[in-house]
Amino acid sequence: MFLPKFKRSSTRENIQHHSAKRPKLSENNLVSHSPSSSWELLLLVAQYLDPKTIAAASCVSKSWSGSFSSEDVWRPLCSAHYPSVYNLRQIDPAVSCRRLYGIASTAASKIRLQKSAKPHLPLNDLLFVVTAETGESSTLLTLSKPCNELQVDPSGIFKFSADIDFESSLEKESIRDIKVTWNVVLKGWKAIFNMMESCTGKASFVPEAEDLFCKEVPLPGCCSEMVTASSLVAEIKLGFRSENCIGEEDVKDDGKFKRGKLSLAIMNTKHWRYLSMDDALRHLQHFLLPCHA
């Protein structure tokens, strides 16, 4: 008995066979991928999708690529996330919003990935030398202390404070005009950086008064040719307490002062906040450490 031989069709032939039997969708059908038939629905859906999902959807097919690459989809995304980049279209309107968004997003991701290296300058290697003189050029105070002997702000910012006891009582009239100098010395007197030189200001008789003495911190030599001004400001607060002061809320002003409060910090005027410890040390190491450090 002979059995008939059946020809085994290939997988490709089966796919083509079933594909041929699959009914074609009409152009008026809502499930069609034609951008024109479901354009309003597409815009509604795109509003709830993130840019990464929209970009992935544009790679599904040619029709989806045309739909999800539309200016109507990417214009609100680009203008909302990167308005300054979006305004560049005024220079070249031919550049698509999707292209501008991609360029700006790539640049932003590179900035986020560039983590600042830890500073090479140890805080314990720094010595703060602060001098204050009256208008008559007589020395009011001289403070020379390592940073680790000062009161460090617990929030991690570059801010230090110290209590001052004067050798003799000071008359209020003699300390109204003061010149303050602040030098940062590297351990072993290997290098000195002048943070503030003869900065003139009015004395405050309220402890921790704000912004009594401030001066712009110079830029490193590697940046001075590219940028003309620094956003960093060295700040010294110097307050005096009455000789008969018992507490901060019970002050009897008799015109004589025996104690004071000194505060040192670096302020970032661009963001109006104090510089962090690591950022301040990274800035100072440009002046105190060799270039190869």
C-alpha atoms as a PDB file:
ATOM      1  CA  MET A   1       0.000   0.000   0.000  1.00  0.00           C
ATOM      2  CA  PHE A   2       1.396   3.277  -1.017  1.00  0.00           C
ATOM      3  CA  LEU A   3       0.637   6.424   0.954  1.00  0.00           C
ATOM      4  CA  PRO A   4       0.477   9.758  -0.859  1.00  0.00           C
ATOM      5  CA  LYS A   5       3.374  12.023  -0.223  1.00  0.00           C
ATOM      6  CA  PHE A   6       2.545  15.436   1.139  1.00  0.00           C
ATOM      7  CA  LYS A   7       4.803  18.345   0.453  1.00  0.00           C
ATOM      8  CA  ARG A   8       5.793  20.165   3.669  1.00  0.00           C
ATOM      9  CA  SER A   9       5.536  23.850   3.170  1.00  0.00           C
ATOM     10  CA  SER A  10       8.074  26.189   4.696  1.00  0.00           C
ATOM     11  CA  THR A  11       7.331  28.558   7.529  1.00  0.00           C
ATOM     12  CA  ARG A  12       7.702  31.519   5.199  1.00  0.00           C
ATOM     13  CA  GLU A  13       5.113  30.068   2.835  1.00  0.00           C
ATOM     14  CA  ASN A  14       2.683  29.574   5.717  1.00  0.00           C
ATOM     15  CA  ILE A  15       3.108  33.167   6.820  1.00  0.00           C
ATOM     16  CA  GLN A  16       2.547  34.422   3.305  1.00  0.00           C
ATOM     17  CA  HIS A  17      -0.490  32.169   2.940  1.00  0.00           C
ATOM     18  CA  HIS A  18      -2.142  33.448   6.114  1.00  0.00           C
ATOM     19  CA  SER A  19      -1.189  37.003   5.316  1.00  0.00           C
ATOM     20  CA  ALA A  20      -2.898  36.742   1.988  1.00  0.00           C
ATOM     21  CA  LYS A  21      -6.108  35.626   3.679  1.00  0.00           C
ATOM     22  CA  ARG A  22      -6.011  38.467   6.211  1.00  0.00           C
ATOM     23  CA  PRO A  23      -8.578  41.106   5.267  1.00  0.00           C
ATOM     24  CA  LYS A  24      -7.292  44.526   4.453  1.00  0.00           C
ATOM     25  CA  LEU A  25      -8.510  47.440   6.511  1.00  0.00           C
ATOM     26  CA  SER A  26     -10.252  50.185   4.714  1.00  0.00           C
ATOM     27  CA  GLU A  27      -8.960  53.721   4.803  1.00  0.00           C
ATOM     28  CA  ASN A  28     -12.018  54.851   6.701  1.00  0.00           C
ATOM     29  CA  ASN A  29     -11.545  52.284   9.469  1.00  0.00           C
ATOM     30  CA  LEU A  30     -10.593  53.870  12.829  1.00  0.00           C
ATOM     31  CA  VAL A  31      -7.968  51.198  13.500  1.00  0.00           C
ATOM     32  CA  SER A  32      -6.052  52.222  10.419  1.00  0.00           C
ATOM     33  CA  HIS A  33      -2.561  53.611  11.022  1.00  0.00           C
ATOM     34  CA  SER A  34      -3.206  56.509   8.720  1.00  0.00           C
ATOM     35  CA  PRO A  35      -2.311  59.742  10.555  1.00  0.00           C
ATOM     36  CA  SER A  36      -5.244  61.620   9.077  1.00  0.00           C
ATOM     37  CA  SER A  37      -7.956  59.247  10.307  1.00  0.00           C
ATOM     38  CA  SER A  38      -6.982  59.256  13.993  1.00  0.00           C
ATOM     39  CA  TRP A  39      -5.073  62.511  14.314  1.00  0.00           C
ATOM     40  CA  GLU A  40      -7.200  64.011  17.075  1.00  0.00           C
ATOM     41  CA  LEU A  41      -7.041  60.776  19.053  1.00  0.00           C
ATOM     42  CA  LEU A  42      -3.270  60.678  18.641  1.00  0.00           C
ATOM     43  CA  LEU A  43      -2.863  64.197  20.036  1.00  0.00           C
ATOM     44  CA  LEU A  44      -4.987  63.291  23.043  1.00  0.00           C
ATOM     45  CA  VAL A  45      -2.898  60.182  23.733  1.00  0.00           C
ATOM     46  CA  ALA A  46       0.432  61.992  23.217  1.00  0.00           C
ATOM     47  CA  GLN A  47      -0.419  64.457  25.986  1.00  0.00           C
ATOM     48  CA  TYR A  48      -0.194  61.631  28.531  1.00  0.00           C
ATOM     49  CA  LEU A  49       3.016  60.083  27.207  1.00  0.00           C
ATOM     50  CA  ASP A  50       6.540  61.009  28.233  1.00  0.00           C
ATOM     51  CA  PRO A  51       9.074  62.006  25.542  1.00  0.00           C
ATOM     52  CA  LYS A  52      10.902  58.669  25.774  1.00  0.00           C
ATOM     53  CA  THR A  53       7.693  56.733  25.061  1.00  0.00           C
ATOM     54  CA  ILE A  54       6.772  59.023  22.157  1.00  0.00           C
ATOM     55  CA  ALA A  55      10.218  58.537  20.627  1.00  0.00           C
ATOM     56  CA  ALA A  56       9.862  54.747  20.965  1.00  0.00           C
ATOM     57  CA  ALA A  57       6.392  54.840  19.420  1.00  0.00           C
ATOM     58  CA  SER A  58       7.745  56.651  16.368  1.00  0.00           C
ATOM     59  CA  CYS A  59       9.935  53.617  15.629  1.00  0.00           C
ATOM     60  CA  VAL A  60       7.046  51.139  15.375  1.00  0.00           C
ATOM     61  CA  SER A  61       6.168  51.783  11.749  1.00  0.00           C
ATOM     62  CA  LYS A  62       6.416  54.375   8.997  1.00  0.00           C
ATOM     63  CA  SER A  63       2.940  55.674   9.669  1.00  0.00           C
ATOM     64  CA  TRP A  64       3.616  55.952  13.423  1.00  0.00           C
ATOM     65  CA  SER A  65       6.933  57.620  12.684  1.00  0.00           C
ATOM     66  CA  GLY A  66       5.175  60.299  10.691  1.00  0.00           C
ATOM     67  CA  SER A  67       2.522  60.766  13.351  1.00  0.00           C
ATOM     68  CA  PHE A  68       4.681  60.782  16.489  1.00  0.00           C
ATOM     69  CA  SER A  69       7.351  62.953  14.854  1.00  0.00           C
ATOM     70  CA  SER A  70       4.879  65.725  14.177  1.00  0.00           C
ATOM     71  CA  GLU A  71       5.672  69.275  15.276  1.00  0.00           C
ATOM     72  CA  ASP A  72       2.296  69.401  17.042  1.00  0.00           C
ATOM     73  CA  VAL A  73       3.526  66.615  19.355  1.00  0.00           C
ATOM     74  CA  TRP A  74       7.039  67.855  20.053  1.00  0.00           C
ATOM     75  CA  ARG A  75       6.451  71.618  20.102  1.00  0.00           C
ATOM     76  CA  PRO A  76       4.834  71.696  23.575  1.00  0.00           C
ATOM     77  CA  LEU A  77       7.442  69.264  24.952  1.00  0.00           C
ATOM     78  CA  CYS A  78      10.403  71.264  23.683  1.00  0.00           C
ATOM     79  CA  SER A  79       9.012  74.635  24.763  1.00  0.00           C
ATOM     80  CA  ALA A  80       8.139  73.342  28.246  1.00  0.00           C
ATOM     81  CA  HIS A  81      11.341  71.423  29.046  1.00  0.00           C
ATOM     82  CA  TYR A  82      13.938  73.515  27.182  1.00  0.00           C
ATOM     83  CA  PRO A  83      12.478  76.972  26.432  1.00  0.00           C
ATOM     84  CA  SER A  84      15.848  78.566  25.661  1.00  0.00           C
ATOM     85  CA  VAL A  85      16.641  75.857  23.116  1.00  0.00           C
ATOM     86  CA  TYR A  86      13.160  76.142  21.630  1.00  0.00           C
ATOM     87  CA  ASN A  87      13.759  79.847  20.979  1.00  0.00           C
ATOM     88  CA  LEU A  88      16.629  78.897  18.658  1.00  0.00           C
ATOM     89  CA  ARG A  89      14.017  78.123  16.014  1.00  0.00           C
ATOM     90  CA  GLN A  90      13.907  81.834  15.345  1.00  0.00           C
ATOM     91  CA  ILE A  91      17.375  81.490  13.837  1.00  0.00           C
ATOM     92  CA  ASP A  92      16.615  78.394  11.752  1.00  0.00           C
ATOM     93  CA  PRO A  93      12.896  77.515  11.544  1.00  0.00           C
ATOM     94  CA  ALA A  94      13.756  74.432   9.482  1.00  0.00           C
ATOM     95  CA  VAL A  95      15.079  72.628  12.566  1.00  0.00           C
ATOM     96  CA  SER A  96      12.340  70.401  13.982  1.00  0.00           C
ATOM     97  CA  CYS A  97      11.257  70.546  17.600  1.00  0.00           C
ATOM     98  CA  ARG A  98      12.009  66.846  17.955  1.00  0.00           C
ATOM     99  CA  ARG A  99      15.584  67.462  16.833  1.00  0.00           C
ATOM    100  CA  LEU A 100      16.009  70.375  19.251  1.00  0.00           C
ATOM    101  CA  TYR A 101      14.568  68.350  22.110  1.00  0.00           C
ATOM    102  CA  GLY A 102      16.955  65.479  21.406  1.00  0.00           C
ATOM    103  CA  ILE A 103      20.006  67.758  21.338  1.00  0.00           C
ATOM    104  CA  ALA A 104      19.017  69.514  24.568  1.00  0.00           C
ATOM    105  CA  SER A 105      18.176  66.251  26.323  1.00  0.00           C
ATOM    106  CA  THR A 106      21.521  64.709  25.374  1.00  0.00           C
ATOM    107  CA  ALA A 107      23.435  67.759  26.601  1.00  0.00           C
ATOM    108  CA  ALA A 108      21.511  67.764  29.895  1.00  0.00           C
ATOM    109  CA  SER A 109      22.217  64.068  30.485  1.00  0.00           C
ATOM    110  CA  LYS A 110      25.956  64.624  29.999  1.00  0.00           C
ATOM    111  CA  ILE A 111      25.930  67.420  32.576  1.00  0.00           C
ATOM    112  CA  ARG A 112      24.129  65.196  35.083  1.00  0.00           C
ATOM    113  CA  LEU A 113      26.621  62.373  34.513  1.00  0.00           C
ATOM    114  CA  GLN A 114      29.631  64.605  35.137  1.00  0.00           C
ATOM    115  CA  LYS A 115      30.024  64.215  38.889  1.00  0.00           C
ATOM    116  CA  SER A 116      32.429  66.609  40.534  1.00  0.00           C
ATOM    117  CA  ALA A 117      35.546  64.981  41.904  1.00  0.00           C
ATOM    118  CA  LYS A 118      36.275  65.116  45.590  1.00  0.00           C
ATOM    119  CA  PRO A 119      38.496  68.065  46.525  1.00  0.00           C
ATOM    120  CA  HIS A 120      42.196  67.363  47.009  1.00  0.00           C
ATOM    121  CA  LEU A 121      42.451  70.059  49.673  1.00  0.00           C
ATOM    122  CA  PRO A 122      41.790  68.721  53.203  1.00  0.00           C
ATOM    123  CA  LEU A 123      39.870  71.046  55.487  1.00  0.00           C
ATOM    124  CA  ASN A 124      42.200  70.276  58.394  1.00  0.00           C
ATOM    125  CA  ASP A 125      45.135  71.681  56.401  1.00  0.00           C
ATOM    126  CA  LEU A 126      43.656  75.178  56.389  1.00  0.00           C
ATOM    127  CA  LEU A 127      44.397  78.004  58.805  1.00  0.00           C
ATOM    128  CA  PHE A 128      42.155  81.072  58.959  1.00  0.00           C
ATOM    129  CA  VAL A 129      43.803  84.383  59.830  1.00  0.00           C
ATOM    130  CA  VAL A 130      41.379  87.260  60.374  1.00  0.00           C
ATOM    131  CA  THR A 131      42.358  90.765  61.447  1.00  0.00           C
ATOM    132  CA  ALA A 132      40.127  93.749  62.153  1.00  0.00           C
ATOM    133  CA  GLU A 133      41.264  97.338  62.503  1.00  0.00           C
ATOM    134  CA  THR A 134      39.428 100.471  63.460  1.00  0.00           C
ATOM    135  CA  GLY A 135      39.352 103.625  61.376  1.00  0.00           C
ATOM    136  CA  GLU A 136      42.344 104.864  63.316  1.00  0.00           C
ATOM    137  CA  SER A 137      44.411 101.849  62.088  1.00  0.00           C
ATOM    138  CA  SER A 138      44.558 100.373  65.558  1.00  0.00           C
ATOM    139  CA  THR A 139      44.206  96.571  65.745  1.00  0.00           C
ATOM    140  CA  LEU A 140      40.836  95.518  67.074  1.00  0.00           C
ATOM    141  CA  LEU A 141      41.280  91.745  66.910  1.00  0.00           C
ATOM    142  CA  THR A 142      43.517  89.074  65.408  1.00  0.00           C
ATOM    143  CA  LEU A 143      42.206  85.552  64.997  1.00  0.00           C
ATOM    144  CA  SER A 144      44.512  82.754  63.859  1.00  0.00           C
ATOM    145  CA  LYS A 145      42.963  79.291  64.147  1.00  0.00           C
ATOM    146  CA  PRO A 146      42.876  76.031  62.200  1.00  0.00           C
ATOM    147  CA  CYS A 147      39.492  75.293  60.685  1.00  0.00           C
ATOM    148  CA  ASN A 148      38.965  72.248  62.871  1.00  0.00           C
ATOM    149  CA  GLU A 149      39.164  74.444  65.975  1.00  0.00           C
ATOM    150  CA  LEU A 150      36.336  76.700  64.787  1.00  0.00           C
ATOM    151  CA  GLN A 151      32.628  76.012  65.064  1.00  0.00           C
ATOM    152  CA  VAL A 152      31.664  74.342  61.767  1.00  0.00           C
ATOM    153  CA  ASP A 153      28.127  74.668  60.489  1.00  0.00           C
ATOM    154  CA  PRO A 154      26.450  71.244  60.887  1.00  0.00           C
ATOM    155  CA  SER A 155      24.518  71.484  57.601  1.00  0.00           C
ATOM    156  CA  GLY A 156      27.621  70.804  55.482  1.00  0.00           C
ATOM    157  CA  ILE A 157      28.143  74.324  54.153  1.00  0.00           C
ATOM    158  CA  PHE A 158      31.406  76.288  54.194  1.00  0.00           C
ATOM    159  CA  LYS A 159      30.549  78.406  57.215  1.00  0.00           C
ATOM    160  CA  PHE A 160      32.501  78.827  60.443  1.00  0.00           C
ATOM    161  CA  SER A 161      32.010  80.836  63.608  1.00  0.00           C
ATOM    162  CA  ALA A 162      33.979  81.718  66.725  1.00  0.00           C
ATOM    163  CA  ASP A 163      33.344  83.566  69.974  1.00  0.00           C
ATOM    164  CA  ILE A 164      35.660  86.488  70.670  1.00  0.00           C
ATOM    165  CA  ASP A 165      36.808  87.848  74.033  1.00  0.00           C
ATOM    166  CA  PHE A 166      38.560  91.210  73.799  1.00  0.00           C
ATOM    167  CA  GLU A 167      41.453  91.989  76.108  1.00  0.00           C
ATOM    168  CA  SER A 168      39.912  95.294  77.140  1.00  0.00           C
ATOM    169  CA  SER A 169      36.492  96.901  76.927  1.00  0.00           C
ATOM    170  CA  LEU A 170      35.720  98.685  73.676  1.00  0.00           C
ATOM    171  CA  GLU A 171      33.874 101.967  73.427  1.00  0.00           C
ATOM    172  CA  LYS A 172      31.054 102.062  70.894  1.00  0.00           C
ATOM    173  CA  GLU A 173      32.291 105.251  69.241  1.00  0.00           C
ATOM    174  CA  SER A 174      35.744 103.787  68.586  1.00  0.00           C
ATOM    175  CA  ILE A 175      34.565 100.737  66.614  1.00  0.00           C
ATOM    176  CA  ARG A 176      31.964 102.112  64.225  1.00  0.00           C
ATOM    177  CA  ASP A 177      34.236 101.979  61.136  1.00  0.00           C
ATOM    178  CA  ILE A 178      36.184  98.732  60.780  1.00  0.00           C
ATOM    179  CA  LYS A 179      38.522  97.254  58.162  1.00  0.00           C
ATOM    180  CA  VAL A 180      38.583  93.459  57.973  1.00  0.00           C
ATOM    181  CA  THR A 181      41.138  91.156  56.300  1.00  0.00           C
ATOM    182  CA  TRP A 182      40.739  87.390  55.845  1.00  0.00           C
ATOM    183  CA  ASN A 183      43.601  85.131  54.700  1.00  0.00           C
ATOM    184  CA  VAL A 184      43.502  81.378  54.181  1.00  0.00           C
ATOM    185  CA  VAL A 185      46.855  79.712  54.890  1.00  0.00           C
ATOM    186  CA  LEU A 186      47.849  76.210  53.813  1.00  0.00           C
ATOM    187  CA  LYS A 187      49.329  74.058  56.566  1.00  0.00           C
ATOM    188  CA  GLY A 188      53.047  74.684  57.037  1.00  0.00           C
ATOM    189  CA  TRP A 189      52.683  78.124  55.408  1.00  0.00           C
ATOM    190  CA  LYS A 190      53.105  76.529  51.999  1.00  0.00           C
ATOM    191  CA  ALA A 191      50.638  78.910  50.364  1.00  0.00           C
ATOM    192  CA  ILE A 192      48.391  81.857  51.231  1.00  0.00           C
ATOM    193  CA  PHE A 193      45.158  82.968  49.596  1.00  0.00           C
ATOM    194  CA  ASN A 194      43.759  86.401  50.332  1.00  0.00           C
ATOM    195  CA  MET A 195      40.016  85.967  50.676  1.00  0.00           C
ATOM    196  CA  MET A 196      39.319  89.554  51.729  1.00  0.00           C
ATOM    197  CA  GLU A 197      41.638  92.575  51.939  1.00  0.00           C
ATOM    198  CA  SER A 198      40.862  95.666  54.057  1.00  0.00           C
ATOM    199  CA  CYS A 199      37.131  95.450  53.489  1.00  0.00           C
ATOM    200  CA  THR A 200      35.473  98.455  55.108  1.00  0.00           C
ATOM    201  CA  GLY A 201      32.121  98.323  56.826  1.00  0.00           C
ATOM    202  CA  LYS A 202      30.059  99.522  59.729  1.00  0.00           C
ATOM    203  CA  ALA A 203      30.256  97.629  62.995  1.00  0.00           C
ATOM    204  CA  SER A 204      27.070  95.984  64.170  1.00  0.00           C
ATOM    205  CA  PHE A 205      26.176  95.816  67.815  1.00  0.00           C
ATOM    206  CA  VAL A 206      23.735  92.978  67.188  1.00  0.00           C
ATOM    207  CA  PRO A 207      25.404  89.530  67.193  1.00  0.00           C
ATOM    208  CA  GLU A 208      25.383  87.716  63.833  1.00  0.00           C
ATOM    209  CA  ALA A 209      24.203  90.725  61.863  1.00  0.00           C
ATOM    210  CA  GLU A 210      23.983  89.951  58.157  1.00  0.00           C
ATOM    211  CA  ASP A 211      26.416  90.909  55.408  1.00  0.00           C
ATOM    212  CA  LEU A 212      28.542  93.366  57.339  1.00  0.00           C
ATOM    213  CA  PHE A 213      31.677  92.700  55.292  1.00  0.00           C
ATOM    214  CA  CYS A 214      31.668  91.054  51.884  1.00  0.00           C
ATOM    215  CA  LYS A 215      33.945  90.944  48.871  1.00  0.00           C
ATOM    216  CA  GLU A 216      33.941  89.065  45.580  1.00  0.00           C
ATOM    217  CA  VAL A 217      36.193  86.008  45.570  1.00  0.00           C
ATOM    218  CA  PRO A 218      38.632  86.087  42.619  1.00  0.00           C
ATOM    219  CA  LEU A 219      38.460  83.520  39.848  1.00  0.00           C
ATOM    220  CA  PRO A 220      41.204  80.941  39.259  1.00  0.00           C
ATOM    221  CA  GLY A 221      43.731  81.853  36.582  1.00  0.00           C
ATOM    222  CA  CYS A 222      42.366  79.160  34.276  1.00  0.00           C
ATOM    223  CA  CYS A 223      38.934  80.826  34.213  1.00  0.00           C
ATOM    224  CA  SER A 224      39.730  84.523  34.472  1.00  0.00           C
ATOM    225  CA  GLU A 225      40.173  84.966  30.705  1.00  0.00           C
ATOM    226  CA  MET A 226      36.823  83.342  29.896  1.00  0.00           C
ATOM    227  CA  VAL A 227      34.714  84.824  32.705  1.00  0.00           C
ATOM    228  CA  THR A 228      35.060  88.402  33.889  1.00  0.00           C
ATOM    229  CA  ALA A 229      33.172  88.110  37.184  1.00  0.00           C
ATOM    230  CA  SER A 230      32.754  85.521  39.898  1.00  0.00           C
ATOM    231  CA  SER A 231      29.446  84.681  41.567  1.00  0.00           C
ATOM    232  CA  LEU A 232      31.217  83.820  44.833  1.00  0.00           C
ATOM    233  CA  VAL A 233      31.445  86.318  47.653  1.00  0.00           C
ATOM    234  CA  ALA A 234      33.454  86.008  50.861  1.00  0.00           C
ATOM    235  CA  GLU A 235      31.339  87.057  53.818  1.00  0.00           C
ATOM    236  CA  ILE A 236      32.307  88.031  57.348  1.00  0.00           C
ATOM    237  CA  LYS A 237      29.811  88.787  60.085  1.00  0.00           C
ATOM    238  CA  LEU A 238      31.163  90.574  63.120  1.00  0.00           C
ATOM    239  CA  GLY A 239      28.899  91.386  66.036  1.00  0.00           C
ATOM    240  CA  PHE A 240      29.553  92.797  69.497  1.00  0.00           C
ATOM    241  CA  ARG A 241      27.929  92.121  72.828  1.00  0.00           C
ATOM    242  CA  SER A 242      27.591  94.483  75.717  1.00  0.00           C
ATOM    243  CA  GLU A 243      29.887  93.933  78.679  1.00  0.00           C
ATOM    244  CA  ASN A 244      26.831  93.540  80.921  1.00  0.00           C
ATOM    245  CA  CYS A 245      25.039  91.146  78.591  1.00  0.00           C
ATOM    246  CA  ILE A 246      23.525  88.226  80.491  1.00  0.00           C
ATOM    247  CA  GLY A 247      21.622  86.586  77.677  1.00  0.00           C
ATOM    248  CA  GLU A 248      20.778  87.218  74.040  1.00  0.00           C
ATOM    249  CA  GLU A 249      17.390  88.616  75.039  1.00  0.00           C
ATOM    250  CA  ASP A 250      18.632  90.607  78.043  1.00  0.00           C
ATOM    251  CA  VAL A 251      21.160  93.182  76.918  1.00  0.00           C
ATOM    252  CA  LYS A 252      21.997  96.292  78.819  1.00  0.00           C
ATOM    253  CA  ASP A 253      23.732  98.687  76.479  1.00  0.00           C
ATOM    254  CA  ASP A 254      26.211 100.738  78.482  1.00  0.00           C
ATOM    255  CA  GLY A 255      28.389 101.616  75.474  1.00  0.00           C
ATOM    256  CA  LYS A 256      31.142  99.140  76.355  1.00  0.00           C
ATOM    257  CA  PHE A 257      31.827  95.832  74.658  1.00  0.00           C
ATOM    258  CA  LYS A 258      33.956  92.937  75.859  1.00  0.00           C
ATOM    259  CA  ARG A 259      32.774  90.033  73.712  1.00  0.00           C
ATOM    260  CA  GLY A 260      31.889  89.411  70.099  1.00  0.00           C
ATOM    261  CA  LYS A 261      30.876  86.839  67.511  1.00  0.00           C
ATOM    262  CA  LEU A 262      32.734  86.179  64.258  1.00  0.00           C
ATOM    263  CA  SER A 263      31.296  84.279  61.313  1.00  0.00           C
ATOM    264  CA  LEU A 264      33.075  83.321  58.060  1.00  0.00           C
ATOM    265  CA  ALA A 265      31.473  81.923  54.904  1.00  0.00           C
ATOM    266  CA  ILE A 266      31.364  81.953  51.100  1.00  0.00           C
ATOM    267  CA  MET A 267      28.105  82.924  49.418  1.00  0.00           C
ATOM    268  CA  ASN A 268      27.012  81.956  45.906  1.00  0.00           C
ATOM    269  CA  THR A 269      25.189  85.080  44.724  1.00  0.00           C
ATOM    270  CA  LYS A 270      23.892  83.328  41.602  1.00  0.00           C
ATOM    271  CA  HIS A 271      21.739  80.956  43.663  1.00  0.00           C
ATOM    272  CA  TRP A 272      21.771  83.031  46.889  1.00  0.00           C
ATOM    273  CA  ARG A 273      22.940  80.248  49.133  1.00  0.00           C
ATOM    274  CA  TYR A 274      26.114  79.397  50.995  1.00  0.00           C
ATOM    275  CA  LEU A 275      28.681  77.283  49.205  1.00  0.00           C
ATOM    276  CA  SER A 276      28.931  73.643  50.231  1.00  0.00           C
ATOM    277  CA  MET A 277      32.081  72.423  51.927  1.00  0.00           C
ATOM    278  CA  ASP A 278      33.284  70.424  48.905  1.00  0.00           C
ATOM    279  CA  ASP A 279      32.558  73.219  46.420  1.00  0.00           C
ATOM    280  CA  ALA A 280      34.441  75.746  48.542  1.00  0.00           C
ATOM    281  CA  LEU A 281      37.463  73.461  48.935  1.00  0.00           C
ATOM    282  CA  ARG A 282      37.491  72.783  45.178  1.00  0.00           C
ATOM    283  CA  HIS A 283      37.610  76.523  44.566  1.00  0.00           C
ATOM    284  CA  LEU A 284      40.319  77.188  47.141  1.00  0.00           C
ATOM    285  CA  GLN A 285      42.570  74.380  45.905  1.00  0.00           C
ATOM    286  CA  HIS A 286      43.067  76.300  42.639  1.00  0.00           C
ATOM    287  CA  PHE A 287      44.967  78.913  44.653  1.00  0.00           C
ATOM    288  CA  LEU A 288      46.586  76.826  47.407  1.00  0.00           C
ATOM    289  CA  LEU A 289      47.677  73.628  45.660  1.00  0.00           C
ATOM    290  CA  PRO A 290      50.034  73.148  42.713  1.00  0.00           C
ATOM    291  CA  CYS A 291      48.393  72.899  39.304  1.00  0.00           C
ATOM    292  CA  HIS A 292      49.095  69.169  39.010  1.00  0.00           C
ATOM    293  CA  ALA A 293      47.460  68.357  42.358  1.00  0.00           C
END
